[in-house]
Amino acid sequence: MTAVEDGVRAVEAFRWSTFDVVLTDLAMPGLNGLQVAKACKRHRPGVKVVVLTGWDLLLEDAECIDHGVDMVIAKPVQFHVLTATLRQVIHEPAPFQRSSGVLR
């Protein structure tokens, strides 16, 4: 796991290391989460990208798909939902999905 403080550093870290999943916030300085997703997918198309956001209702599915996002998770997110979602994205790939971030 590698943590960085902005989108530009996220893309730089991705280019120099191997990751199975990119977990990014939508709102970040430098590059936003969609821009990070697109840059990572351009570099390695098979990587899975999960975007966390408090603004999930403002994101259009088509825009997320165009940027290569595999899943959007609405914040706040419960830890067990996050871990289950990451497992699902890695082991059970599916077309673009959304998660509420909480178990009901």
C-alpha atoms as a PDB file:
ATOM      1  CA  MET A   1       0.000   0.000   0.000  1.00  0.00           C
ATOM      2  CA  THR A   2       1.222   3.468  -0.864  1.00  0.00           C
ATOM      3  CA  ALA A   3      -0.391   6.682   0.363  1.00  0.00           C
ATOM      4  CA  VAL A   4       0.199   9.995  -1.374  1.00  0.00           C
ATOM      5  CA  GLU A   5      -1.117  13.473  -0.746  1.00  0.00           C
ATOM      6  CA  ASP A   6      -2.390  14.479  -4.198  1.00  0.00           C
ATOM      7  CA  GLY A   7      -3.379  13.206  -7.615  1.00  0.00           C
ATOM      8  CA  VAL A   8      -0.117  14.092  -9.352  1.00  0.00           C
ATOM      9  CA  ARG A   9       1.882  12.065  -6.834  1.00  0.00           C
ATOM     10  CA  ALA A  10      -0.609   9.219  -7.149  1.00  0.00           C
ATOM     11  CA  VAL A  11       0.038   8.927 -10.879  1.00  0.00           C
ATOM     12  CA  GLU A  12       3.805   9.180 -10.336  1.00  0.00           C
ATOM     13  CA  ALA A  13       3.707   6.423  -7.702  1.00  0.00           C
ATOM     14  CA  PHE A  14       1.597   4.266 -10.005  1.00  0.00           C
ATOM     15  CA  ARG A  15       4.090   4.573 -12.844  1.00  0.00           C
ATOM     16  CA  TRP A  16       6.987   3.376 -10.669  1.00  0.00           C
ATOM     17  CA  SER A  17       5.308   0.586  -8.694  1.00  0.00           C
ATOM     18  CA  THR A  18       2.953  -2.325  -9.288  1.00  0.00           C
ATOM     19  CA  PHE A  19      -0.545  -2.131  -7.842  1.00  0.00           C
ATOM     20  CA  ASP A  20      -3.564  -4.420  -8.194  1.00  0.00           C
ATOM     21  CA  VAL A  21      -6.034  -1.672  -7.249  1.00  0.00           C
ATOM     22  CA  VAL A  22      -5.998   2.108  -7.197  1.00  0.00           C
ATOM     23  CA  LEU A  23      -8.163   3.523  -4.405  1.00  0.00           C
ATOM     24  CA  THR A  24      -8.576   7.255  -4.830  1.00  0.00           C
ATOM     25  CA  ASP A  25     -10.754  10.064  -3.605  1.00  0.00           C
ATOM     26  CA  LEU A  26     -12.617  12.120  -6.187  1.00  0.00           C
ATOM     27  CA  ALA A  27     -11.676  15.545  -4.790  1.00  0.00           C
ATOM     28  CA  MET A  28      -7.910  15.946  -4.516  1.00  0.00           C
ATOM     29  CA  PRO A  29      -5.412  18.671  -5.283  1.00  0.00           C
ATOM     30  CA  GLY A  30      -3.441  18.433  -8.518  1.00  0.00           C
ATOM     31  CA  LEU A  31      -5.503  15.821 -10.367  1.00  0.00           C
ATOM     32  CA  ASN A  32      -8.946  14.650  -9.303  1.00  0.00           C
ATOM     33  CA  GLY A  33      -9.850  10.977  -8.915  1.00  0.00           C
ATOM     34  CA  LEU A  34     -11.258  10.682 -12.438  1.00  0.00           C
ATOM     35  CA  GLN A  35      -8.057  12.103 -13.911  1.00  0.00           C
ATOM     36  CA  VAL A  36      -6.001   9.711 -11.781  1.00  0.00           C
ATOM     37  CA  ALA A  37      -8.157   6.801 -12.981  1.00  0.00           C
ATOM     38  CA  LYS A  38      -7.709   7.733 -16.630  1.00  0.00           C
ATOM     39  CA  ALA A  39      -3.930   8.158 -16.285  1.00  0.00           C
ATOM     40  CA  CYS A  40      -3.546   4.829 -14.483  1.00  0.00           C
ATOM     41  CA  LYS A  41      -5.719   2.962 -17.012  1.00  0.00           C
ATOM     42  CA  ARG A  42      -3.746   4.524 -19.865  1.00  0.00           C
ATOM     43  CA  HIS A  43      -0.520   3.231 -18.311  1.00  0.00           C
ATOM     44  CA  ARG A  44      -1.913  -0.181 -17.325  1.00  0.00           C
ATOM     45  CA  PRO A  45      -5.423  -0.923 -18.657  1.00  0.00           C
ATOM     46  CA  GLY A  46      -5.980  -3.990 -16.452  1.00  0.00           C
ATOM     47  CA  VAL A  47      -5.625  -2.197 -13.120  1.00  0.00           C
ATOM     48  CA  LYS A  48      -8.808  -1.836 -11.084  1.00  0.00           C
ATOM     49  CA  VAL A  49      -9.781   1.703 -10.007  1.00  0.00           C
ATOM     50  CA  VAL A  50     -12.116   2.485  -7.105  1.00  0.00           C
ATOM     51  CA  VAL A  51     -13.161   6.086  -6.436  1.00  0.00           C
ATOM     52  CA  LEU A  52     -14.403   7.253  -3.038  1.00  0.00           C
ATOM     53  CA  THR A  53     -16.590  10.348  -2.996  1.00  0.00           C
ATOM     54  CA  GLY A  54     -19.113  12.290  -1.003  1.00  0.00           C
ATOM     55  CA  TRP A  55     -20.567  13.507  -4.308  1.00  0.00           C
ATOM     56  CA  ASP A  56     -21.538  10.178  -5.850  1.00  0.00           C
ATOM     57  CA  LEU A  57     -24.923  11.441  -7.023  1.00  0.00           C
ATOM     58  CA  LEU A  58     -23.221  14.160  -9.084  1.00  0.00           C
ATOM     59  CA  LEU A  59     -21.086  11.663 -11.000  1.00  0.00           C
ATOM     60  CA  GLU A  60     -22.535  10.363 -14.246  1.00  0.00           C
ATOM     61  CA  ASP A  61     -21.964   6.664 -14.929  1.00  0.00           C
ATOM     62  CA  ALA A  62     -20.823   7.436 -18.486  1.00  0.00           C
ATOM     63  CA  GLU A  63     -18.166   9.852 -17.226  1.00  0.00           C
ATOM     64  CA  CYS A  64     -16.846   7.285 -14.749  1.00  0.00           C
ATOM     65  CA  ILE A  65     -16.753   4.578 -17.411  1.00  0.00           C
ATOM     66  CA  ASP A  66     -14.994   6.930 -19.846  1.00  0.00           C
ATOM     67  CA  HIS A  67     -12.278   7.535 -17.229  1.00  0.00           C
ATOM     68  CA  GLY A  68     -11.852   3.814 -16.521  1.00  0.00           C
ATOM     69  CA  VAL A  69     -13.417   3.720 -13.053  1.00  0.00           C
ATOM     70  CA  ASP A  70     -14.462   0.209 -11.998  1.00  0.00           C
ATOM     71  CA  MET A  71     -16.424   1.228  -8.913  1.00  0.00           C
ATOM     72  CA  VAL A  72     -17.599   4.346  -7.090  1.00  0.00           C
ATOM     73  CA  ILE A  73     -18.129   4.127  -3.344  1.00  0.00           C
ATOM     74  CA  ALA A  74     -20.164   6.798  -1.589  1.00  0.00           C
ATOM     75  CA  LYS A  75     -18.738   8.271   1.599  1.00  0.00           C
ATOM     76  CA  PRO A  76     -18.976   7.789   4.438  1.00  0.00           C
ATOM     77  CA  VAL A  77     -17.806   4.226   3.941  1.00  0.00           C
ATOM     78  CA  GLN A  78     -17.703   1.514   6.566  1.00  0.00           C
ATOM     79  CA  PHE A  79     -14.377  -0.327   6.758  1.00  0.00           C
ATOM     80  CA  HIS A  80     -15.885  -3.786   6.252  1.00  0.00           C
ATOM     81  CA  VAL A  81     -17.756  -2.505   3.160  1.00  0.00           C
ATOM     82  CA  LEU A  82     -14.526  -1.066   1.775  1.00  0.00           C
ATOM     83  CA  THR A  83     -12.600  -4.300   2.262  1.00  0.00           C
ATOM     84  CA  ALA A  84     -15.429  -6.386   0.783  1.00  0.00           C
ATOM     85  CA  THR A  85     -15.621  -4.035  -2.184  1.00  0.00           C
ATOM     86  CA  LEU A  86     -11.878  -4.232  -2.817  1.00  0.00           C
ATOM     87  CA  ARG A  87     -12.053  -8.035  -2.677  1.00  0.00           C
ATOM     88  CA  GLN A  88     -14.959  -8.017  -5.118  1.00  0.00           C
ATOM     89  CA  VAL A  89     -13.229  -5.695  -7.594  1.00  0.00           C
ATOM     90  CA  ILE A  90     -10.104  -7.883  -7.584  1.00  0.00           C
ATOM     91  CA  HIS A  91     -11.662 -11.356  -7.553  1.00  0.00           C
ATOM     92  CA  GLU A  92     -15.044 -10.833  -9.219  1.00  0.00           C
ATOM     93  CA  PRO A  93     -14.538  -8.211 -11.921  1.00  0.00           C
ATOM     94  CA  ALA A  94     -17.730  -6.768 -13.336  1.00  0.00           C
ATOM     95  CA  PRO A  95     -18.770  -3.780 -15.403  1.00  0.00           C
ATOM     96  CA  PHE A  96     -18.892  -0.393 -13.677  1.00  0.00           C
ATOM     97  CA  GLN A  97     -20.606  -0.505 -10.277  1.00  0.00           C
ATOM     98  CA  ARG A  98     -21.634   1.785  -7.425  1.00  0.00           C
ATOM     99  CA  SER A  99     -21.682   1.083  -3.697  1.00  0.00           C
ATOM    100  CA  SER A 100     -23.446   3.051  -0.987  1.00  0.00           C
ATOM    101  CA  GLY A 101     -20.490   2.600   1.376  1.00  0.00           C
ATOM    102  CA  VAL A 102     -22.697   1.183   4.124  1.00  0.00           C
ATOM    103  CA  LEU A 103     -24.356  -2.171   4.623  1.00  0.00           C
ATOM    104  CA  ARG A 104     -28.083  -1.926   5.021  1.00  0.00           C
END
